[in-house]
């Protein structure tokens, strides 16, 4: 039986609007990439290329045992969870003597709960692949200014939030539960699917 794949970045869409998530990830309705999406991909690529120019090749063992600040970028991880394969690409992992920071770069400064949950998914992936005694932190950073917008230790409560969302997402994908559309007309107005969505509230704006 083929694995069902879930991307860590999907938690952002799920928390924005479950029905948008349903249209995109379950019905697989494709839309052209927006200018912002293309810009974001270009900036990520530029940062990765700049990092690679100065990066030194090492092992995961050496990286995880580092006591001096050491950084790795664009790290791909995955973990089998029952009948689902969770996958994600972490923008940056920074490690020092006492802690590990899992950082996601975003173009906006407002810290939505949906962004935090995406980072919690990355933290879960890291923890499952690399058990560690060091404190693990989730971080959101402004992509353009480099400013840290939010930082929180990943612990029992944040893992429970992630798992709750993970099981909800799984049930929507397998259509065991009905996707709930947002009740926020402003979200609908900004949504690429507004012309296709039967629940769209964009007309109320």
C-alpha atoms as a PDB file:
ATOM      1  CA  UNK A   1       0.000   0.000   0.000  1.00  0.00           C
ATOM      2  CA  UNK A   2       1.363   3.403  -1.002  1.00  0.00           C
ATOM      3  CA  UNK A   3       2.062   5.853   1.817  1.00  0.00           C
ATOM      4  CA  UNK A   4      -0.025   8.991   2.105  1.00  0.00           C
ATOM      5  CA  UNK A   5       2.388  11.922   2.290  1.00  0.00           C
ATOM      6  CA  UNK A   6       1.769  15.005   4.434  1.00  0.00           C
ATOM      7  CA  UNK A   7       4.011  18.051   4.142  1.00  0.00           C
ATOM      8  CA  UNK A   8       4.865  20.001   7.278  1.00  0.00           C
ATOM      9  CA  UNK A   9       4.054  23.230   5.408  1.00  0.00           C
ATOM     10  CA  UNK A  10       0.475  21.996   4.910  1.00  0.00           C
ATOM     11  CA  UNK A  11      -0.363  22.910   8.519  1.00  0.00           C
ATOM     12  CA  UNK A  12      -0.301  26.550   7.440  1.00  0.00           C
ATOM     13  CA  UNK A  13      -3.123  25.986   4.917  1.00  0.00           C
ATOM     14  CA  UNK A  14      -5.111  23.729   7.259  1.00  0.00           C
ATOM     15  CA  UNK A  15      -5.203  26.425   9.920  1.00  0.00           C
ATOM     16  CA  UNK A  16      -5.987  29.168   7.402  1.00  0.00           C
ATOM     17  CA  UNK A  17      -9.094  27.362   6.133  1.00  0.00           C
ATOM     18  CA  UNK A  18      -9.792  23.639   6.194  1.00  0.00           C
ATOM     19  CA  UNK A  19     -11.915  23.813   3.060  1.00  0.00           C
ATOM     20  CA  UNK A  20      -9.134  25.552   1.144  1.00  0.00           C
ATOM     21  CA  UNK A  21      -6.893  22.719   2.338  1.00  0.00           C
ATOM     22  CA  UNK A  22      -9.494  20.204   1.119  1.00  0.00           C
ATOM     23  CA  UNK A  23      -9.665  21.790  -2.347  1.00  0.00           C
ATOM     24  CA  UNK A  24      -5.884  21.932  -2.632  1.00  0.00           C
ATOM     25  CA  UNK A  25      -4.681  18.713  -1.038  1.00  0.00           C
ATOM     26  CA  UNK A  26      -7.634  16.311  -1.318  1.00  0.00           C
ATOM     27  CA  UNK A  27      -9.362  17.339  -4.563  1.00  0.00           C
ATOM     28  CA  UNK A  28      -5.966  18.442  -5.989  1.00  0.00           C
ATOM     29  CA  UNK A  29      -7.285  21.576  -7.669  1.00  0.00           C
ATOM     30  CA  UNK A  30      -4.199  23.296  -9.002  1.00  0.00           C
ATOM     31  CA  UNK A  31      -3.801  27.044  -9.397  1.00  0.00           C
ATOM     32  CA  UNK A  32      -0.926  29.029 -10.934  1.00  0.00           C
ATOM     33  CA  UNK A  33       1.791  30.191  -8.551  1.00  0.00           C
ATOM     34  CA  UNK A  34       1.382  33.775  -7.404  1.00  0.00           C
ATOM     35  CA  UNK A  35       4.060  36.461  -7.716  1.00  0.00           C
ATOM     36  CA  UNK A  36       4.627  36.271  -3.935  1.00  0.00           C
ATOM     37  CA  UNK A  37       5.132  32.499  -4.110  1.00  0.00           C
ATOM     38  CA  UNK A  38       7.670  32.828  -6.937  1.00  0.00           C
ATOM     39  CA  UNK A  39       9.462  35.625  -5.072  1.00  0.00           C
ATOM     40  CA  UNK A  40       9.606  33.523  -1.911  1.00  0.00           C
ATOM     41  CA  UNK A  41      11.087  30.546  -3.770  1.00  0.00           C
ATOM     42  CA  UNK A  42      13.692  32.791  -5.379  1.00  0.00           C
ATOM     43  CA  UNK A  43      14.748  34.330  -2.045  1.00  0.00           C
ATOM     44  CA  UNK A  44      15.014  30.888  -0.403  1.00  0.00           C
ATOM     45  CA  UNK A  45      17.202  29.703  -3.278  1.00  0.00           C
ATOM     46  CA  UNK A  46      19.456  32.768  -3.019  1.00  0.00           C
ATOM     47  CA  UNK A  47      19.920  32.277   0.734  1.00  0.00           C
ATOM     48  CA  UNK A  48      20.721  28.599   0.266  1.00  0.00           C
ATOM     49  CA  UNK A  49      23.294  29.350  -2.449  1.00  0.00           C
ATOM     50  CA  UNK A  50      24.922  32.018  -0.271  1.00  0.00           C
ATOM     51  CA  UNK A  51      25.072  29.587   2.654  1.00  0.00           C
ATOM     52  CA  UNK A  52      26.565  26.802   0.518  1.00  0.00           C
ATOM     53  CA  UNK A  53      29.404  29.104  -0.601  1.00  0.00           C
ATOM     54  CA  UNK A  54      30.777  29.199   2.963  1.00  0.00           C
ATOM     55  CA  UNK A  55      29.445  25.905   4.313  1.00  0.00           C
ATOM     56  CA  UNK A  56      31.704  23.094   5.483  1.00  0.00           C
ATOM     57  CA  UNK A  57      30.751  19.468   4.928  1.00  0.00           C
ATOM     58  CA  UNK A  58      30.272  17.507   8.145  1.00  0.00           C
ATOM     59  CA  UNK A  59      28.377  14.601   9.683  1.00  0.00           C
ATOM     60  CA  UNK A  60      25.104  14.680  11.608  1.00  0.00           C
ATOM     61  CA  UNK A  61      26.926  13.233  14.621  1.00  0.00           C
ATOM     62  CA  UNK A  62      29.450  16.071  14.613  1.00  0.00           C
ATOM     63  CA  UNK A  63      26.692  18.638  14.059  1.00  0.00           C
ATOM     64  CA  UNK A  64      24.496  17.394  16.923  1.00  0.00           C
ATOM     65  CA  UNK A  65      27.424  17.235  19.346  1.00  0.00           C
ATOM     66  CA  UNK A  66      28.629  20.746  18.520  1.00  0.00           C
ATOM     67  CA  UNK A  67      29.144  23.069  21.495  1.00  0.00           C
ATOM     68  CA  UNK A  68      29.843  26.107  19.329  1.00  0.00           C
ATOM     69  CA  UNK A  69      27.158  27.769  17.228  1.00  0.00           C
ATOM     70  CA  UNK A  70      26.762  25.659  14.076  1.00  0.00           C
ATOM     71  CA  UNK A  71      24.149  26.185  11.373  1.00  0.00           C
ATOM     72  CA  UNK A  72      22.664  24.003   8.654  1.00  0.00           C
ATOM     73  CA  UNK A  73      20.114  25.141   6.058  1.00  0.00           C
ATOM     74  CA  UNK A  74      17.430  23.508   3.877  1.00  0.00           C
ATOM     75  CA  UNK A  75      17.342  20.273   5.878  1.00  0.00           C
ATOM     76  CA  UNK A  76      14.945  17.605   4.581  1.00  0.00           C
ATOM     77  CA  UNK A  77      13.464  15.234   7.169  1.00  0.00           C
ATOM     78  CA  UNK A  78      10.714  12.635   7.213  1.00  0.00           C
ATOM     79  CA  UNK A  79       8.993  10.307   9.676  1.00  0.00           C
ATOM     80  CA  UNK A  80       6.523   7.469   9.216  1.00  0.00           C
ATOM     81  CA  UNK A  81       3.478   7.930  11.486  1.00  0.00           C
ATOM     82  CA  UNK A  82       1.130   4.983  11.063  1.00  0.00           C
ATOM     83  CA  UNK A  83      -0.158   5.083   7.488  1.00  0.00           C
ATOM     84  CA  UNK A  84       1.168   8.600   6.844  1.00  0.00           C
ATOM     85  CA  UNK A  85       4.643   9.810   5.885  1.00  0.00           C
ATOM     86  CA  UNK A  86       5.306  13.265   7.343  1.00  0.00           C
ATOM     87  CA  UNK A  87       7.913  15.259   5.394  1.00  0.00           C
ATOM     88  CA  UNK A  88       9.378  18.716   5.698  1.00  0.00           C
ATOM     89  CA  UNK A  89      12.231  20.987   4.636  1.00  0.00           C
ATOM     90  CA  UNK A  90      13.533  23.134   7.500  1.00  0.00           C
ATOM     91  CA  UNK A  91      14.917  26.540   6.495  1.00  0.00           C
ATOM     92  CA  UNK A  92      17.560  26.576   9.216  1.00  0.00           C
ATOM     93  CA  UNK A  93      18.764  24.496  12.166  1.00  0.00           C
ATOM     94  CA  UNK A  94      21.128  26.221  14.598  1.00  0.00           C
ATOM     95  CA  UNK A  95      22.801  24.315  17.405  1.00  0.00           C
ATOM     96  CA  UNK A  96      25.078  25.289  20.285  1.00  0.00           C
ATOM     97  CA  UNK A  97      26.161  23.806  23.613  1.00  0.00           C
ATOM     98  CA  UNK A  98      22.742  24.011  25.272  1.00  0.00           C
ATOM     99  CA  UNK A  99      20.042  24.345  22.621  1.00  0.00           C
ATOM    100  CA  UNK A 100      18.776  23.677  19.106  1.00  0.00           C
ATOM    101  CA  UNK A 101      16.710  26.223  17.182  1.00  0.00           C
ATOM    102  CA  UNK A 102      14.422  25.195  14.331  1.00  0.00           C
ATOM    103  CA  UNK A 103      13.881  28.342  12.254  1.00  0.00           C
ATOM    104  CA  UNK A 104      11.345  29.066   9.536  1.00  0.00           C
ATOM    105  CA  UNK A 105      11.698  32.255   7.471  1.00  0.00           C
ATOM    106  CA  UNK A 106       8.496  34.146   6.635  1.00  0.00           C
ATOM    107  CA  UNK A 107       7.908  37.310   4.576  1.00  0.00           C
ATOM    108  CA  UNK A 108       5.568  38.933   7.128  1.00  0.00           C
ATOM    109  CA  UNK A 109       6.074  40.002  10.737  1.00  0.00           C
ATOM    110  CA  UNK A 110       2.718  39.010  12.225  1.00  0.00           C
ATOM    111  CA  UNK A 111       2.923  35.704  14.096  1.00  0.00           C
ATOM    112  CA  UNK A 112      -0.187  33.661  13.347  1.00  0.00           C
ATOM    113  CA  UNK A 113      -0.945  30.441  15.244  1.00  0.00           C
ATOM    114  CA  UNK A 114      -0.865  28.622  11.896  1.00  0.00           C
ATOM    115  CA  UNK A 115       2.792  29.632  11.431  1.00  0.00           C
ATOM    116  CA  UNK A 116       3.663  28.338  14.887  1.00  0.00           C
ATOM    117  CA  UNK A 117       2.017  24.994  14.150  1.00  0.00           C
ATOM    118  CA  UNK A 118       4.043  24.613  10.981  1.00  0.00           C
ATOM    119  CA  UNK A 119       7.216  25.141  13.022  1.00  0.00           C
ATOM    120  CA  UNK A 120       5.977  22.643  15.634  1.00  0.00           C
ATOM    121  CA  UNK A 121       5.699  20.107  12.802  1.00  0.00           C
ATOM    122  CA  UNK A 122       9.361  20.742  11.945  1.00  0.00           C
ATOM    123  CA  UNK A 123      10.316  20.390  15.618  1.00  0.00           C
ATOM    124  CA  UNK A 124       8.447  17.083  15.812  1.00  0.00           C
ATOM    125  CA  UNK A 125      10.308  15.802  12.748  1.00  0.00           C
ATOM    126  CA  UNK A 126      13.657  16.826  14.172  1.00  0.00           C
ATOM    127  CA  UNK A 127      12.953  15.284  17.567  1.00  0.00           C
ATOM    128  CA  UNK A 128      11.805  12.017  16.010  1.00  0.00           C
ATOM    129  CA  UNK A 129      14.919  11.758  13.850  1.00  0.00           C
ATOM    130  CA  UNK A 130      17.447  13.068  16.366  1.00  0.00           C
ATOM    131  CA  UNK A 131      16.542  12.518  20.047  1.00  0.00           C
ATOM    132  CA  UNK A 132      18.528  15.029  22.097  1.00  0.00           C
ATOM    133  CA  UNK A 133      18.970  16.238  25.664  1.00  0.00           C
ATOM    134  CA  UNK A 134      19.390  19.820  24.449  1.00  0.00           C
ATOM    135  CA  UNK A 135      16.480  22.255  24.646  1.00  0.00           C
ATOM    136  CA  UNK A 136      14.604  22.475  21.365  1.00  0.00           C
ATOM    137  CA  UNK A 137      13.138  25.804  20.218  1.00  0.00           C
ATOM    138  CA  UNK A 138      10.798  26.743  17.402  1.00  0.00           C
ATOM    139  CA  UNK A 139      11.626  30.084  15.781  1.00  0.00           C
ATOM    140  CA  UNK A 140       9.914  32.362  13.267  1.00  0.00           C
ATOM    141  CA  UNK A 141      12.140  34.929  11.579  1.00  0.00           C
ATOM    142  CA  UNK A 142      11.344  37.755   9.205  1.00  0.00           C
ATOM    143  CA  UNK A 143      12.714  36.650   5.863  1.00  0.00           C
ATOM    144  CA  UNK A 144      13.771  40.128   4.766  1.00  0.00           C
ATOM    145  CA  UNK A 145      14.950  41.851   7.952  1.00  0.00           C
ATOM    146  CA  UNK A 146      16.311  38.812   9.794  1.00  0.00           C
ATOM    147  CA  UNK A 147      14.364  39.850  12.914  1.00  0.00           C
ATOM    148  CA  UNK A 148      13.260  37.059  15.279  1.00  0.00           C
ATOM    149  CA  UNK A 149       9.466  37.396  15.478  1.00  0.00           C
ATOM    150  CA  UNK A 150       8.741  34.486  17.836  1.00  0.00           C
ATOM    151  CA  UNK A 151      10.689  31.884  19.783  1.00  0.00           C
ATOM    152  CA  UNK A 152       9.231  29.154  22.000  1.00  0.00           C
ATOM    153  CA  UNK A 153      10.585  26.017  23.599  1.00  0.00           C
ATOM    154  CA  UNK A 154       9.147  22.877  22.032  1.00  0.00           C
ATOM    155  CA  UNK A 155       7.754  20.716  24.821  1.00  0.00           C
ATOM    156  CA  UNK A 156       4.810  18.528  25.793  1.00  0.00           C
ATOM    157  CA  UNK A 157       2.128  21.163  25.194  1.00  0.00           C
ATOM    158  CA  UNK A 158       3.412  22.195  21.766  1.00  0.00           C
ATOM    159  CA  UNK A 159       3.768  18.550  20.727  1.00  0.00           C
ATOM    160  CA  UNK A 160       0.161  17.888  21.761  1.00  0.00           C
ATOM    161  CA  UNK A 161      -0.951  20.867  19.638  1.00  0.00           C
ATOM    162  CA  UNK A 162       0.941  19.434  16.678  1.00  0.00           C
ATOM    163  CA  UNK A 163      -0.484  15.924  17.116  1.00  0.00           C
ATOM    164  CA  UNK A 164      -4.043  17.261  17.431  1.00  0.00           C
ATOM    165  CA  UNK A 165      -3.629  19.102  14.128  1.00  0.00           C
ATOM    166  CA  UNK A 166      -1.887  16.129  12.535  1.00  0.00           C
ATOM    167  CA  UNK A 167      -4.765  13.763  13.321  1.00  0.00           C
ATOM    168  CA  UNK A 168      -7.297  16.368  12.182  1.00  0.00           C
ATOM    169  CA  UNK A 169      -5.429  16.763   8.889  1.00  0.00           C
ATOM    170  CA  UNK A 170      -5.229  13.019   8.408  1.00  0.00           C
ATOM    171  CA  UNK A 171      -8.984  12.659   8.958  1.00  0.00           C
ATOM    172  CA  UNK A 172      -9.739  15.430   6.434  1.00  0.00           C
ATOM    173  CA  UNK A 173      -7.423  13.824   3.860  1.00  0.00           C
ATOM    174  CA  UNK A 174      -9.024  10.417   4.293  1.00  0.00           C
ATOM    175  CA  UNK A 175     -12.464  12.112   4.396  1.00  0.00           C
ATOM    176  CA  UNK A 176     -13.262  10.647   7.794  1.00  0.00           C
ATOM    177  CA  UNK A 177     -14.177  14.177   8.900  1.00  0.00           C
ATOM    178  CA  UNK A 178     -15.670  17.090   6.966  1.00  0.00           C
ATOM    179  CA  UNK A 179     -13.439  20.077   6.251  1.00  0.00           C
ATOM    180  CA  UNK A 180     -14.773  23.213   7.961  1.00  0.00           C
ATOM    181  CA  UNK A 181     -14.660  26.449   5.909  1.00  0.00           C
ATOM    182  CA  UNK A 182     -13.415  29.639   7.534  1.00  0.00           C
ATOM    183  CA  UNK A 183     -15.942  32.131   8.871  1.00  0.00           C
ATOM    184  CA  UNK A 184     -13.581  35.042   8.214  1.00  0.00           C
ATOM    185  CA  UNK A 185     -14.591  36.923   5.024  1.00  0.00           C
ATOM    186  CA  UNK A 186     -11.168  38.600   4.845  1.00  0.00           C
ATOM    187  CA  UNK A 187      -9.497  35.210   4.501  1.00  0.00           C
ATOM    188  CA  UNK A 188     -11.903  34.386   1.682  1.00  0.00           C
ATOM    189  CA  UNK A 189     -11.137  37.670  -0.062  1.00  0.00           C
ATOM    190  CA  UNK A 190      -7.423  36.854  -0.115  1.00  0.00           C
ATOM    191  CA  UNK A 191      -7.933  33.203  -1.128  1.00  0.00           C
ATOM    192  CA  UNK A 192      -6.956  31.991  -4.611  1.00  0.00           C
ATOM    193  CA  UNK A 193      -9.897  29.593  -4.541  1.00  0.00           C
ATOM    194  CA  UNK A 194     -12.597  32.203  -3.882  1.00  0.00           C
ATOM    195  CA  UNK A 195     -14.083  31.914  -7.374  1.00  0.00           C
ATOM    196  CA  UNK A 196     -14.289  28.111  -7.060  1.00  0.00           C
ATOM    197  CA  UNK A 197     -15.309  27.738  -3.423  1.00  0.00           C
ATOM    198  CA  UNK A 198     -18.995  27.231  -2.664  1.00  0.00           C
ATOM    199  CA  UNK A 199     -18.454  28.509   0.877  1.00  0.00           C
ATOM    200  CA  UNK A 200     -16.615  31.709  -0.060  1.00  0.00           C
ATOM    201  CA  UNK A 201     -17.590  34.762   1.994  1.00  0.00           C
ATOM    202  CA  UNK A 202     -15.648  37.158  -0.207  1.00  0.00           C
ATOM    203  CA  UNK A 203     -18.833  38.762  -1.466  1.00  0.00           C
ATOM    204  CA  UNK A 204     -19.511  40.053   2.059  1.00  0.00           C
ATOM    205  CA  UNK A 205     -16.476  42.357   1.947  1.00  0.00           C
END
